[in-house]
Amino acid sequence: MVDEAAIVEIQNISKQFAPKLPPALKDITAKFPRGQIVGIVGPDGAGKTTLIRLMAGLLTPSGGKITIAGLDSIRDCESIRLMMGYMPQKFGLYEDLTVIENLNLFADLRGVAVEERKKTFELLLKFTNLAPFTERLARYLSGGMKQKLGLACALIKKPDLLLLDEPSVGVDPISRRELWKMVSDLLAEGITVFWSTVYLDEAQKCHSIILLNEGQLLYHGKPQELTQKMNGRVFKIVNIDGNRRKTLSNILKQPNVIDGIIQGETIRIVLKEGQSSLDSYQIEPIEPRFEDAFIDILGGGPGGESKLADRMPLVDKTIETPVVAESLTKKFGSFTAADQITFSAQRGEIFGLLGPNGAGKSTTFKMLCGLLHPTLGKAVVNQLDVQKTPTAARSHLGYMAQKFSLYGDLSVQQNLSFFSGIYNLSGTQQKEAIDELVEIFSLQPFLNTSAESLPLGYKQRLSLSCATMHRPEILFLDEPTSGVDPYMRREFWNHINGLVQKGVTVLVSTHFMDEAEYCDRIALIYRGKIIRLDTPDALKKIAHSEQNPNPTLEDAFIQLIEAYDKEHAI
């Protein structure tokens, strides 16, 4: 019997893509009432996108049944599509069309009458703040603007059910908050939203969540109820004597610690159930977060070891300041993408570049790596001018670009061979380096798989392998964990922390504020300029108030951007 109060009922759903592969989903049962935001969370490859595509009628289940408002997802798929909005992971936009052309195309597809469009478009453009950009090609929109346009296209005909597959990946904190508010406002219109996400602070705000792992359902219910189970198990280590990264690595080896991350000058840890102390360290209890419960239900984090760092020799510390940006400026016509960017990074430092989409972070990275010629200024790597001696300078650095700098049509083996050749590895040296990295990152089963077909976590591993193939002393990481789940992010930062302890200098840009806490210093870039440069803890103090006694780095980020806008209002 169909539950009329539920808009979605999932009954023993399974999905098998090939006989020899493990099931993408296995015997999932759940139901969801109307007028809620439902979070779909889980590690990379857990089955989140498969579940959304099954609900959208884009896939046929191998077993079980899904009903949407009492309609069968397969038998009644045409009727369901008329009452549903769907925003896939990669926007689903046509990048060669303008904003208004995309809206018209989706209106055609959804059968919106011509006489209704003007009013509908006006409402959507106002809702998404895209009215000034109607003639801009979609390809030239920022990440946040693309997401807003994707949402507008999904809402072109008011749906009863809205499916959003990781809508905030690659989006800066300000755009993410705006997107969340926009979607939350839809609830007042009776729309039910399913929101797949790797940002667990978003999941924590959902009415209910469905947590998947390896195709199986681990939890279905309110996120607060799962988080409350972590009470008394989450602490921060204070007054750390010595290197935070080394301390974290040592702590993660202790049997009663299941998770740990750096937070500014402190370390946040989760202890095993029944544990409440840690020998030799001063700890203070703190409020648990949904992310703590997420890692706990998966059986704990990945530990603190890094075989990648183990293969890295100690870096010669003769050059104390291996990266210097001197008044770096880049203009594209009348547009200034980077304006007088000046900073230096010390040996063995993690230096962060933060800023909204389009602020100038990637442009700065590309100038420092020699991939863009600055209009003005100078980039220096290991005392080498990047413009005058680009080949020599690049031999000292590794670069991991946004969305991973891989060749999608090449296999894993071919990518490894290609990048090792670029870094002048050959013969026995090349073979040994590739074999080492294949073993470290467990790439053996994927050697003949195209890079494009890899799960996201393995794309990240392959990209990091290619960037560190030649054991560089300097590593540039441009949004290296975008779209990657918290478990994989921890694994990634184990490697980075280990490399830094060997003396590698790391420059990183990120939209994950928690991972920005790993930085020693952060430059906040906005409108092409550095508007603040300080430590994570010093930045957080800016947002401290009586109403917000424990501000996050995201709070500080947003406050500084808003203060700059107010001060420089035209």
Protein backbone atom coordinates (compact mmCIF):
# COMPACT_ATOMS: atom_id res chain seq x y z
CA MET A 1 0.00 0.00 0.00
CA VAL A 2 1.35 3.44 -0.97
CA ASP A 3 1.89 5.93 1.85
CA GLU A 4 0.09 9.09 0.65
CA ALA A 5 2.03 11.28 3.12
CA ALA A 6 5.33 10.25 1.50
CA ILE A 7 6.39 11.80 -1.79
CA VAL A 8 9.17 9.22 -2.34
CA GLU A 9 9.12 5.57 -1.33
CA ILE A 10 12.13 3.36 -1.99
CA GLN A 11 11.39 -0.36 -1.61
CA ASN A 12 14.26 -2.88 -1.63
CA ILE A 13 16.05 -1.07 -4.45
CA SER A 14 19.18 -2.65 -5.94
CA LYS A 15 21.28 -1.69 -8.95
CA GLN A 16 23.91 -3.90 -10.59
CA PHE A 17 25.74 -2.45 -13.60
CA ALA A 18 27.68 -5.60 -14.54
CA PRO A 19 27.70 -9.20 -13.26
CA LYS A 20 31.35 -9.08 -12.12
CA LEU A 21 31.04 -5.71 -10.38
CA PRO A 22 29.76 -5.25 -6.81
CA PRO A 23 26.25 -3.76 -6.71
CA ALA A 24 26.06 0.03 -6.90
CA LEU A 25 23.05 -0.19 -4.56
CA LYS A 26 21.90 -3.15 -2.51
CA ASP A 27 18.44 -3.60 -0.96
CA ILE A 28 17.77 0.06 -0.02
CA THR A 29 14.45 0.81 1.69
CA ALA A 30 13.34 4.26 2.89
CA LYS A 31 10.50 6.77 2.53
CA PHE A 32 10.42 10.53 2.68
CA PRO A 33 7.59 12.98 3.52
CA ARG A 34 6.77 16.07 1.49
CA GLY A 35 8.16 19.54 2.11
CA GLN A 36 11.63 18.58 3.40
CA ILE A 37 15.26 18.81 2.36
CA VAL A 38 16.70 15.30 2.32
CA GLY A 39 20.50 14.98 2.30
CA ILE A 40 22.15 12.10 0.45
CA VAL A 41 25.67 11.54 1.78
CA GLY A 42 28.37 8.92 1.62
CA PRO A 43 31.96 8.34 0.46
CA ASP A 44 33.02 8.41 -3.18
CA GLY A 45 31.34 5.51 -5.00
CA ALA A 46 28.74 4.98 -2.26
CA GLY A 47 25.82 5.07 -4.73
CA LYS A 48 24.54 8.64 -4.27
CA THR A 49 24.33 9.56 -7.96
CA THR A 50 22.94 6.12 -8.85
CA LEU A 51 20.11 6.61 -6.34
CA ILE A 52 19.28 10.07 -7.71
CA ARG A 53 19.25 8.77 -11.30
CA LEU A 54 16.97 5.93 -10.29
CA MET A 55 14.55 8.41 -8.72
CA ALA A 56 14.71 10.53 -11.87
CA GLY A 57 13.80 7.50 -14.00
CA LEU A 58 17.12 7.70 -15.86
CA LEU A 59 18.14 4.21 -14.71
CA THR A 60 16.17 0.99 -14.38
CA PRO A 61 16.58 -0.79 -11.03
CA SER A 62 17.92 -4.35 -10.98
CA GLY A 63 15.48 -5.08 -8.18
CA GLY A 64 12.91 -3.31 -6.05
CA LYS A 65 10.70 -0.34 -6.75
CA ILE A 66 10.59 3.46 -6.40
CA THR A 67 7.35 5.40 -6.29
CA ILE A 68 7.13 9.19 -6.65
CA ALA A 69 3.81 10.61 -5.38
CA GLY A 70 2.33 7.14 -5.87
CA LEU A 71 3.68 6.78 -9.45
CA ASP A 72 6.09 4.03 -10.50
CA SER A 73 9.51 5.48 -11.47
CA ILE A 74 9.71 3.26 -14.59
CA ARG A 75 6.13 2.62 -15.68
CA ASP A 76 5.07 6.25 -15.09
CA CYS A 77 8.39 7.93 -15.87
CA GLU A 78 6.92 10.47 -18.31
CA SER A 79 4.35 11.66 -15.76
CA ILE A 80 7.03 11.84 -13.06
CA ARG A 81 9.34 13.96 -15.22
CA LEU A 82 6.61 16.56 -15.59
CA MET A 83 6.51 17.01 -11.81
CA MET A 84 10.26 16.83 -11.21
CA GLY A 85 13.27 19.13 -11.52
CA TYR A 86 16.73 17.58 -11.88
CA MET A 87 20.15 19.22 -11.66
CA PRO A 88 22.99 16.77 -12.47
CA GLN A 89 26.53 16.98 -11.09
CA LYS A 90 28.08 18.77 -14.05
CA PHE A 91 25.49 21.53 -14.35
CA GLY A 92 23.64 20.09 -17.39
CA LEU A 93 24.05 23.46 -19.10
CA TYR A 94 24.94 24.24 -22.70
CA GLU A 95 28.08 26.32 -22.35
CA ASP A 96 27.92 27.76 -25.89
CA LEU A 97 24.50 29.27 -25.12
CA THR A 98 23.83 32.43 -23.13
CA VAL A 99 21.96 32.49 -19.84
CA ILE A 100 18.68 33.43 -21.53
CA GLU A 101 19.21 30.87 -24.32
CA ASN A 102 19.68 28.12 -21.72
CA LEU A 103 16.45 29.18 -20.01
CA ASN A 104 14.58 29.14 -23.33
CA LEU A 105 15.96 25.72 -24.22
CA PHE A 106 14.85 24.21 -20.91
CA ALA A 107 11.48 25.93 -21.27
CA ASP A 108 11.12 24.24 -24.66
CA LEU A 109 12.05 20.87 -23.18
CA ARG A 110 9.58 21.27 -20.31
CA GLY A 111 6.75 22.53 -22.54
CA VAL A 112 6.46 25.98 -20.98
CA ALA A 113 4.12 28.10 -23.11
CA VAL A 114 5.71 31.14 -24.78
CA GLU A 115 3.24 33.54 -23.12
CA GLU A 116 4.25 32.21 -19.66
CA ARG A 117 7.99 32.57 -20.16
CA LYS A 118 8.48 36.28 -19.58
CA LYS A 119 6.98 36.18 -16.10
CA THR A 120 8.70 32.85 -15.26
CA PHE A 121 12.10 34.09 -16.43
CA GLU A 122 11.76 37.37 -14.53
CA LEU A 123 11.03 35.47 -11.31
CA LEU A 124 13.91 33.01 -11.80
CA LEU A 125 16.43 35.70 -12.78
CA LYS A 126 15.46 37.74 -9.71
CA PHE A 127 15.58 34.62 -7.51
CA THR A 128 19.09 33.72 -8.71
CA ASN A 129 20.43 37.31 -9.14
CA LEU A 130 21.31 36.49 -12.76
CA ALA A 131 19.28 39.32 -14.35
CA PRO A 132 22.41 41.40 -15.24
CA PHE A 133 24.00 38.42 -17.03
CA THR A 134 21.30 37.20 -19.44
CA GLU A 135 23.51 37.70 -22.53
CA ARG A 136 26.64 36.09 -21.03
CA LEU A 137 27.67 32.67 -22.37
CA ALA A 138 27.33 29.95 -19.72
CA ARG A 139 31.00 29.02 -20.15
CA TYR A 140 32.03 32.45 -18.86
CA LEU A 141 29.98 32.27 -15.67
CA SER A 142 31.72 31.66 -12.35
CA GLY A 143 31.16 28.31 -10.62
CA GLY A 144 28.55 29.80 -8.30
CA MET A 145 26.70 31.50 -11.16
CA LYS A 146 26.67 28.26 -13.18
CA GLN A 147 25.09 26.49 -10.22
CA LYS A 148 22.45 29.19 -9.91
CA LEU A 149 21.66 28.94 -13.62
CA GLY A 150 21.47 25.15 -13.32
CA LEU A 151 19.00 25.57 -10.46
CA ALA A 152 16.94 28.08 -12.46
CA CYS A 153 16.77 25.61 -15.37
CA ALA A 154 15.62 22.86 -13.00
CA LEU A 155 12.88 25.17 -11.70
CA ILE A 156 11.70 26.33 -15.14
CA LYS A 157 8.45 24.53 -14.46
CA LYS A 158 7.65 24.48 -10.76
CA PRO A 159 8.37 20.91 -9.60
CA ASP A 160 6.91 18.92 -6.72
CA LEU A 161 10.27 17.19 -6.34
CA LEU A 162 13.72 18.71 -6.96
CA LEU A 163 16.78 16.45 -7.30
CA LEU A 164 20.15 18.19 -6.84
CA ASP A 165 23.28 16.08 -7.38
CA GLU A 166 26.15 17.80 -5.52
CA PRO A 167 25.02 21.33 -6.47
CA SER A 168 27.64 23.11 -4.36
CA VAL A 169 30.84 21.32 -5.49
CA GLY A 170 33.52 23.83 -6.47
CA VAL A 171 31.47 26.75 -5.17
CA ASP A 172 32.88 29.30 -2.71
CA PRO A 173 31.36 29.70 0.79
CA ILE A 174 29.37 32.84 -0.07
CA SER A 175 27.77 31.26 -3.15
CA ARG A 176 27.17 28.09 -1.17
CA ARG A 177 25.24 29.98 1.51
CA GLU A 178 23.25 31.81 -1.15
CA LEU A 179 22.44 28.52 -2.91
CA TRP A 180 21.35 26.92 0.36
CA LYS A 181 19.07 29.86 1.19
CA MET A 182 17.54 29.75 -2.28
CA VAL A 183 16.77 26.05 -1.98
CA SER A 184 15.48 26.44 1.60
CA ASP A 185 13.07 29.13 0.39
CA LEU A 186 11.54 26.61 -2.03
CA LEU A 187 10.11 24.64 0.91
CA ALA A 188 7.55 27.41 1.47
CA GLU A 189 6.18 26.55 -1.99
CA GLY A 190 5.72 22.91 -1.02
CA ILE A 191 8.69 21.62 -3.02
CA THR A 192 10.57 18.59 -1.68
CA VAL A 193 14.34 18.64 -2.25
CA PHE A 194 16.88 15.81 -2.39
CA TRP A 195 20.39 17.28 -2.02
CA SER A 196 23.43 15.06 -2.59
CA THR A 197 26.52 16.61 -0.99
CA VAL A 198 30.10 16.10 0.19
CA TYR A 199 29.81 19.17 2.44
CA LEU A 200 28.65 17.68 5.71
CA ASP A 201 27.80 21.04 7.26
CA GLU A 202 25.07 21.14 4.59
CA ALA A 203 23.92 17.64 5.47
CA GLN A 204 23.70 18.70 9.11
CA LYS A 205 21.08 21.31 8.15
CA CYS A 206 18.85 18.85 6.26
CA HIS A 207 15.58 17.62 7.78
CA SER A 208 16.71 14.03 7.25
CA ILE A 209 19.60 12.23 5.62
CA ILE A 210 20.28 8.95 3.91
CA LEU A 211 23.88 7.78 4.43
CA LEU A 212 25.24 5.25 1.94
CA ASN A 213 28.48 3.30 1.78
CA GLU A 214 29.45 0.78 -0.91
CA GLY A 215 25.84 0.67 -2.05
CA GLN A 216 24.41 -0.11 1.37
CA LEU A 217 22.25 2.01 3.65
CA LEU A 218 24.09 2.79 6.91
CA TYR A 219 21.67 5.35 8.34
CA HIS A 220 18.35 7.01 7.55
CA GLY A 221 16.96 9.65 9.88
CA LYS A 222 17.63 13.08 11.34
CA PRO A 223 21.29 14.11 11.20
CA GLN A 224 21.08 15.49 14.76
CA GLU A 225 20.23 12.05 16.14
CA LEU A 226 23.35 10.51 14.61
CA THR A 227 25.49 13.46 15.74
CA GLN A 228 24.23 13.20 19.35
CA LYS A 229 25.67 9.69 19.58
CA MET A 230 29.12 11.32 19.49
CA ASN A 231 28.58 13.33 22.70
CA GLY A 232 31.56 12.95 25.05
CA ARG A 233 33.85 11.57 22.34
CA VAL A 234 35.01 14.72 20.54
CA PHE A 235 37.85 16.88 21.91
CA LYS A 236 40.40 19.46 20.88
CA ILE A 237 44.06 19.24 21.82
CA VAL A 238 45.33 22.59 23.08
CA ASN A 239 48.74 24.04 23.99
CA ILE A 240 50.51 21.83 21.45
CA ASP A 241 54.25 21.83 21.99
CA GLY A 242 56.03 21.57 18.67
CA ASN A 243 54.93 20.68 15.15
CA ARG A 244 51.14 20.29 14.77
CA ARG A 245 51.48 18.01 11.75
CA LYS A 246 53.87 15.64 13.51
CA THR A 247 51.64 15.69 16.60
CA LEU A 248 48.60 14.75 14.51
CA SER A 249 50.49 11.91 12.83
CA ASN A 250 51.55 10.54 16.23
CA ILE A 251 48.06 10.87 17.73
CA LEU A 252 46.42 9.02 14.84
CA LYS A 253 48.63 6.02 15.65
CA GLN A 254 47.07 5.70 19.10
CA PRO A 255 44.53 2.84 19.29
CA ASN A 256 41.84 4.87 21.09
CA VAL A 257 41.80 7.65 18.42
CA ILE A 258 39.61 7.05 15.36
CA ASP A 259 39.89 10.46 13.69
CA GLY A 260 41.85 13.69 13.87
CA ILE A 261 42.22 16.89 11.86
CA ILE A 262 44.15 20.12 12.29
CA GLN A 263 42.12 23.20 13.25
CA GLY A 264 44.41 26.22 13.34
CA GLU A 265 46.69 25.89 16.37
CA THR A 266 44.63 23.01 17.80
CA ILE A 267 43.84 19.45 16.72
CA ARG A 268 40.30 18.08 16.70
CA ILE A 269 40.07 14.39 17.64
CA VAL A 270 37.40 11.73 17.96
CA LEU A 271 37.96 8.94 20.49
CA LYS A 272 36.61 5.41 20.44
CA GLU A 273 33.41 4.76 22.31
CA GLY A 274 34.00 4.64 26.07
CA GLN A 275 37.26 6.65 25.88
CA SER A 276 37.58 10.16 27.33
CA SER A 277 41.29 10.85 27.81
CA LEU A 278 44.54 10.94 25.88
CA ASP A 279 47.92 10.35 27.50
CA SER A 280 50.48 13.18 27.38
CA TYR A 281 48.11 15.72 25.81
CA GLN A 282 45.88 18.47 27.17
CA ILE A 283 42.39 18.01 25.76
CA GLU A 284 39.11 19.90 26.10
CA PRO A 285 35.64 18.56 25.21
CA ILE A 286 33.89 20.23 22.24
CA GLU A 287 30.53 19.88 20.52
CA PRO A 288 30.37 17.03 18.01
CA ARG A 289 29.53 17.68 14.35
CA PHE A 290 27.77 15.51 11.82
CA GLU A 291 31.13 14.93 10.13
CA ASP A 292 32.41 13.25 13.32
CA ALA A 293 29.46 10.85 13.21
CA PHE A 294 30.00 10.27 9.48
CA ILE A 295 33.62 9.21 9.97
CA ASP A 296 32.67 7.10 13.01
CA ILE A 297 29.94 5.15 11.20
CA LEU A 298 32.44 4.37 8.41
CA GLY A 299 34.71 2.78 11.01
CA GLY A 300 37.09 5.70 11.54
CA GLY A 301 39.43 7.76 9.39
CA PRO A 302 42.38 6.55 7.29
CA GLY A 303 45.00 7.01 10.04
CA GLY A 304 47.98 9.30 9.63
CA GLU A 305 50.51 7.42 7.51
CA SER A 306 51.76 8.53 4.09
CA LYS A 307 53.80 6.18 1.92
CA LEU A 308 54.02 9.03 -0.59
CA ALA A 309 55.86 11.17 1.97
CA ASP A 310 58.04 8.20 2.91
CA ARG A 311 59.47 8.10 -0.66
CA MET A 312 60.26 11.83 -0.55
CA PRO A 313 63.85 12.73 0.45
CA LEU A 314 64.46 15.61 2.83
CA VAL A 315 64.41 18.89 0.95
CA ASP A 316 67.55 21.02 1.01
CA LYS A 317 66.70 24.00 3.25
CA THR A 318 69.35 26.31 1.82
CA ILE A 319 66.67 28.38 0.10
CA GLU A 320 64.44 29.56 2.95
CA THR A 321 61.86 31.33 0.75
CA PRO A 322 61.27 29.14 -2.32
CA VAL A 323 58.16 30.95 -3.64
CA VAL A 324 57.95 34.71 -4.14
CA ALA A 325 55.21 36.69 -5.88
CA GLU A 326 56.22 40.29 -6.59
CA SER A 327 53.36 42.58 -7.68
CA LEU A 328 51.94 39.88 -9.96
CA THR A 329 49.32 41.41 -12.23
CA LYS A 330 47.36 39.83 -15.06
CA LYS A 331 45.01 41.69 -17.38
CA PHE A 332 42.71 40.19 -19.99
CA GLY A 333 41.80 43.20 -22.10
CA SER A 334 40.24 45.75 -19.75
CA PHE A 335 39.64 43.12 -17.03
CA THR A 336 42.24 42.76 -14.27
CA ALA A 337 42.16 39.17 -13.01
CA ALA A 338 45.07 39.60 -10.57
CA ASP A 339 46.16 42.97 -9.24
CA GLN A 340 49.54 43.53 -7.54
CA ILE A 341 49.61 40.12 -5.82
CA THR A 342 52.58 40.08 -3.43
CA PHE A 343 53.54 37.39 -0.92
CA SER A 344 56.22 34.80 -0.16
CA ALA A 345 56.03 31.20 1.09
CA GLN A 346 58.66 29.72 3.39
CA ARG A 347 60.33 26.34 3.14
CA GLY A 348 58.08 23.63 4.62
CA GLU A 349 55.06 25.95 4.84
CA ILE A 350 51.48 25.39 3.70
CA PHE A 351 50.36 28.71 2.25
CA GLY A 352 46.67 29.04 1.36
CA LEU A 353 44.93 31.16 -1.26
CA LEU A 354 41.25 31.64 -0.41
CA GLY A 355 38.62 33.64 -2.18
CA PRO A 356 35.28 33.52 -3.97
CA ASN A 357 34.92 32.03 -7.46
CA GLY A 358 36.59 34.35 -9.96
CA ALA A 359 38.68 36.17 -7.34
CA GLY A 360 42.00 35.50 -9.11
CA LYS A 361 43.37 32.45 -7.25
CA SER A 362 43.86 30.17 -10.28
CA THR A 363 45.28 33.06 -12.33
CA THR A 364 47.87 33.65 -9.59
CA PHE A 365 48.72 29.93 -9.49
CA LYS A 366 49.20 29.79 -13.26
CA MET A 367 51.53 32.80 -13.23
CA LEU A 368 53.64 31.24 -10.46
CA CYS A 369 53.83 27.98 -12.41
CA GLY A 370 54.76 29.68 -15.68
CA LEU A 371 51.49 28.73 -17.39
CA LEU A 372 50.44 32.39 -17.74
CA HIS A 373 52.68 35.35 -18.56
CA PRO A 374 52.05 38.18 -16.07
CA THR A 375 51.17 41.61 -17.45
CA LEU A 376 53.31 43.07 -14.67
CA GLY A 377 55.36 41.74 -11.78
CA LYS A 378 57.56 38.72 -11.22
CA ALA A 379 57.17 35.11 -10.07
CA VAL A 380 60.21 33.45 -8.45
CA VAL A 381 60.54 29.71 -7.70
CA ASN A 382 63.68 28.47 -5.91
CA GLN A 383 65.36 31.79 -6.76
CA LEU A 384 64.61 31.27 -10.47
CA ASP A 385 62.58 33.82 -12.41
CA VAL A 386 59.72 31.77 -13.87
CA GLN A 387 59.50 33.95 -16.99
CA LYS A 388 63.23 34.00 -17.75
CA THR A 389 63.98 30.33 -16.95
CA PRO A 390 60.62 28.54 -17.13
CA THR A 391 61.96 25.02 -17.75
CA ALA A 392 64.45 25.16 -14.89
CA ALA A 393 61.84 26.66 -12.53
CA ARG A 394 59.18 24.07 -13.40
CA SER A 395 61.59 21.22 -12.65
CA HIS A 396 61.31 22.19 -8.96
CA LEU A 397 57.53 22.19 -8.76
CA GLY A 398 54.50 19.95 -9.12
CA TYR A 399 51.12 21.30 -10.18
CA MET A 400 47.72 19.76 -9.47
CA ALA A 401 45.15 21.80 -11.37
CA GLN A 402 41.47 22.38 -10.72
CA LYS A 403 39.37 19.35 -11.75
CA PHE A 404 42.64 17.37 -11.96
CA SER A 405 45.18 17.86 -14.74
CA LEU A 406 44.69 14.48 -16.37
CA TYR A 407 44.10 13.35 -19.95
CA GLY A 408 40.69 11.70 -19.78
CA ASP A 409 41.04 9.66 -22.97
CA LEU A 410 44.35 8.14 -21.85
CA SER A 411 44.51 5.16 -19.50
CA VAL A 412 45.97 5.41 -16.00
CA GLN A 413 49.17 3.75 -17.26
CA GLN A 414 49.42 6.18 -20.18
CA ASN A 415 48.88 9.21 -17.92
CA LEU A 416 51.63 8.03 -15.58
CA SER A 417 54.01 7.42 -18.50
CA PHE A 418 53.17 10.77 -20.09
CA PHE A 419 53.67 12.86 -16.95
CA SER A 420 56.84 11.04 -15.95
CA GLY A 421 58.20 11.84 -19.41
CA ILE A 422 57.27 15.52 -19.02
CA TYR A 423 59.30 15.56 -15.79
CA ASN A 424 62.30 14.06 -17.64
CA LEU A 425 62.10 10.62 -16.04
CA SER A 426 63.18 7.77 -18.31
CA GLY A 427 64.41 4.19 -18.29
CA THR A 428 64.77 2.45 -14.93
CA GLN A 429 64.13 5.67 -13.01
CA GLN A 430 60.81 6.16 -14.78
CA LYS A 431 59.68 2.55 -14.28
CA GLU A 432 60.59 2.58 -10.57
CA ALA A 433 58.73 5.86 -9.99
CA ILE A 434 55.58 4.60 -11.73
CA ASP A 435 55.67 1.23 -9.94
CA GLU A 436 56.08 2.98 -6.57
CA LEU A 437 53.10 5.27 -7.13
CA VAL A 438 50.88 2.49 -8.48
CA GLU A 439 51.51 0.57 -5.26
CA ILE A 440 51.13 3.59 -2.94
CA PHE A 441 47.77 4.62 -4.44
CA SER A 442 46.43 1.11 -5.20
CA LEU A 443 46.12 1.90 -8.91
CA GLN A 444 46.93 -1.60 -10.20
CA PRO A 445 43.28 -2.60 -10.95
CA PHE A 446 42.79 0.60 -12.99
CA LEU A 447 45.96 0.69 -15.13
CA ASN A 448 44.03 0.06 -18.36
CA THR A 449 41.05 2.22 -17.35
CA SER A 450 40.66 5.66 -18.95
CA ALA A 451 41.24 8.50 -16.50
CA GLU A 452 37.80 9.91 -17.32
CA SER A 453 36.14 6.66 -16.16
CA LEU A 454 37.85 6.56 -12.75
CA PRO A 455 35.89 7.16 -9.54
CA LEU A 456 36.54 10.69 -8.28
CA GLY A 457 38.76 9.58 -5.40
CA TYR A 458 41.01 7.63 -7.77
CA LYS A 459 41.16 10.57 -10.18
CA GLN A 460 42.51 12.58 -7.26
CA ARG A 461 45.05 9.87 -6.40
CA LEU A 462 46.22 9.67 -10.02
CA SER A 463 46.49 13.45 -10.29
CA LEU A 464 48.55 13.65 -7.10
CA SER A 465 50.74 10.81 -8.40
CA CYS A 466 51.42 12.73 -11.63
CA ALA A 467 52.16 15.97 -9.75
CA THR A 468 54.67 14.32 -7.37
CA MET A 469 56.23 11.88 -9.85
CA HIS A 470 59.58 13.76 -9.86
CA ARG A 471 59.68 14.45 -6.09
CA PRO A 472 59.23 18.24 -6.36
CA GLU A 473 60.31 20.60 -3.59
CA ILE A 474 57.30 22.86 -4.24
CA LEU A 475 53.72 21.71 -4.78
CA PHE A 476 50.88 23.84 -6.19
CA LEU A 477 47.41 22.47 -5.39
CA ASP A 478 44.50 24.30 -7.05
CA GLU A 479 41.28 23.13 -5.32
CA PRO A 480 42.69 19.59 -5.02
CA THR A 481 39.78 18.04 -3.09
CA SER A 482 36.80 19.61 -4.88
CA GLY A 483 33.97 17.07 -4.85
CA VAL A 484 35.90 14.55 -2.76
CA ASP A 485 34.29 13.09 0.37
CA PRO A 486 35.67 13.75 3.91
CA TYR A 487 37.38 10.34 4.17
CA MET A 488 39.32 10.91 0.92
CA ARG A 489 40.14 14.47 2.01
CA ARG A 490 41.75 13.11 5.17
CA GLU A 491 43.78 10.60 3.16
CA PHE A 492 44.90 13.39 0.83
CA TRP A 493 45.99 15.66 3.70
CA ASN A 494 47.93 12.83 5.33
CA HIS A 495 50.14 12.90 2.22
CA ILE A 496 50.43 16.70 2.19
CA ASN A 497 51.25 16.89 5.91
CA GLY A 498 53.89 14.18 5.44
CA LEU A 499 55.46 15.96 2.46
CA VAL A 500 55.61 19.25 4.37
CA GLN A 501 57.43 17.53 7.22
CA LYS A 502 60.06 16.57 4.63
CA GLY A 503 60.46 20.27 3.78
CA VAL A 504 58.17 20.51 0.74
CA THR A 505 56.52 23.91 0.34
CA VAL A 506 52.80 23.74 -0.53
CA LEU A 507 50.55 26.41 -2.01
CA VAL A 508 46.88 25.45 -1.96
CA SER A 509 43.59 27.02 -2.95
CA THR A 510 40.37 25.58 -1.57
CA HIS A 511 36.68 26.19 -0.91
CA PHE A 512 36.67 23.76 2.03
CA MET A 513 37.22 25.99 5.03
CA ASP A 514 38.06 23.03 7.27
CA GLU A 515 40.99 22.08 5.08
CA ALA A 516 42.15 25.71 4.99
CA GLU A 517 42.79 25.18 8.73
CA TYR A 518 45.82 23.07 7.72
CA CYS A 519 47.49 26.20 6.31
CA ASP A 520 50.16 28.04 8.25
CA ARG A 521 49.09 31.30 6.64
CA ILE A 522 46.24 32.33 4.35
CA ALA A 523 45.96 35.10 1.76
CA LEU A 524 42.34 36.08 1.16
CA ILE A 525 42.02 37.18 -2.47
CA TYR A 526 39.03 39.18 -3.65
CA ARG A 527 38.50 41.15 -6.86
CA GLY A 528 42.05 40.27 -7.88
CA LYS A 529 43.66 41.71 -4.71
CA ILE A 530 44.95 40.28 -1.44
CA ILE A 531 42.65 41.90 1.11
CA ARG A 532 44.00 40.09 4.19
CA LEU A 533 46.96 37.81 4.96
CA ASP A 534 47.22 36.06 8.32
CA THR A 535 47.07 32.75 10.19
CA PRO A 536 43.78 30.80 10.31
CA ASP A 537 43.32 31.54 14.03
CA ALA A 538 43.97 35.26 13.56
CA LEU A 539 41.39 35.38 10.76
CA LYS A 540 38.80 33.61 12.92
CA LYS A 541 39.29 36.18 15.68
CA ILE A 542 38.02 38.85 13.28
CA ALA A 543 34.58 37.21 13.32
CA HIS A 544 34.51 36.74 17.12
CA SER A 545 31.57 38.39 18.85
CA GLU A 546 29.28 37.92 21.81
CA GLN A 547 26.71 36.36 19.47
CA ASN A 548 29.38 34.17 17.80
CA PRO A 549 31.98 33.23 20.45
CA ASN A 550 33.41 30.33 18.40
CA PRO A 551 33.52 31.58 14.80
CA THR A 552 34.56 29.34 11.94
CA LEU A 553 36.96 30.24 9.17
CA GLU A 554 33.90 30.43 6.90
CA ASP A 555 32.39 33.09 9.19
CA ALA A 556 35.61 35.10 8.92
CA PHE A 557 35.76 34.62 5.15
CA ILE A 558 32.25 35.95 4.63
CA GLN A 559 32.65 38.83 7.11
CA LEU A 560 35.86 40.04 5.46
CA ILE A 561 34.34 39.89 1.96
CA GLU A 562 31.20 41.74 3.08
CA ALA A 563 33.28 44.37 4.91
CA TYR A 564 35.41 44.92 1.78
CA ASP A 565 32.29 45.31 -0.39
CA LYS A 566 30.84 47.83 2.06
CA GLU A 567 34.07 49.83 2.22
CA HIS A 568 34.50 49.86 -1.57
CA ALA A 569 30.85 50.27 -2.57
CA ILE A 570 30.43 52.25 -5.76
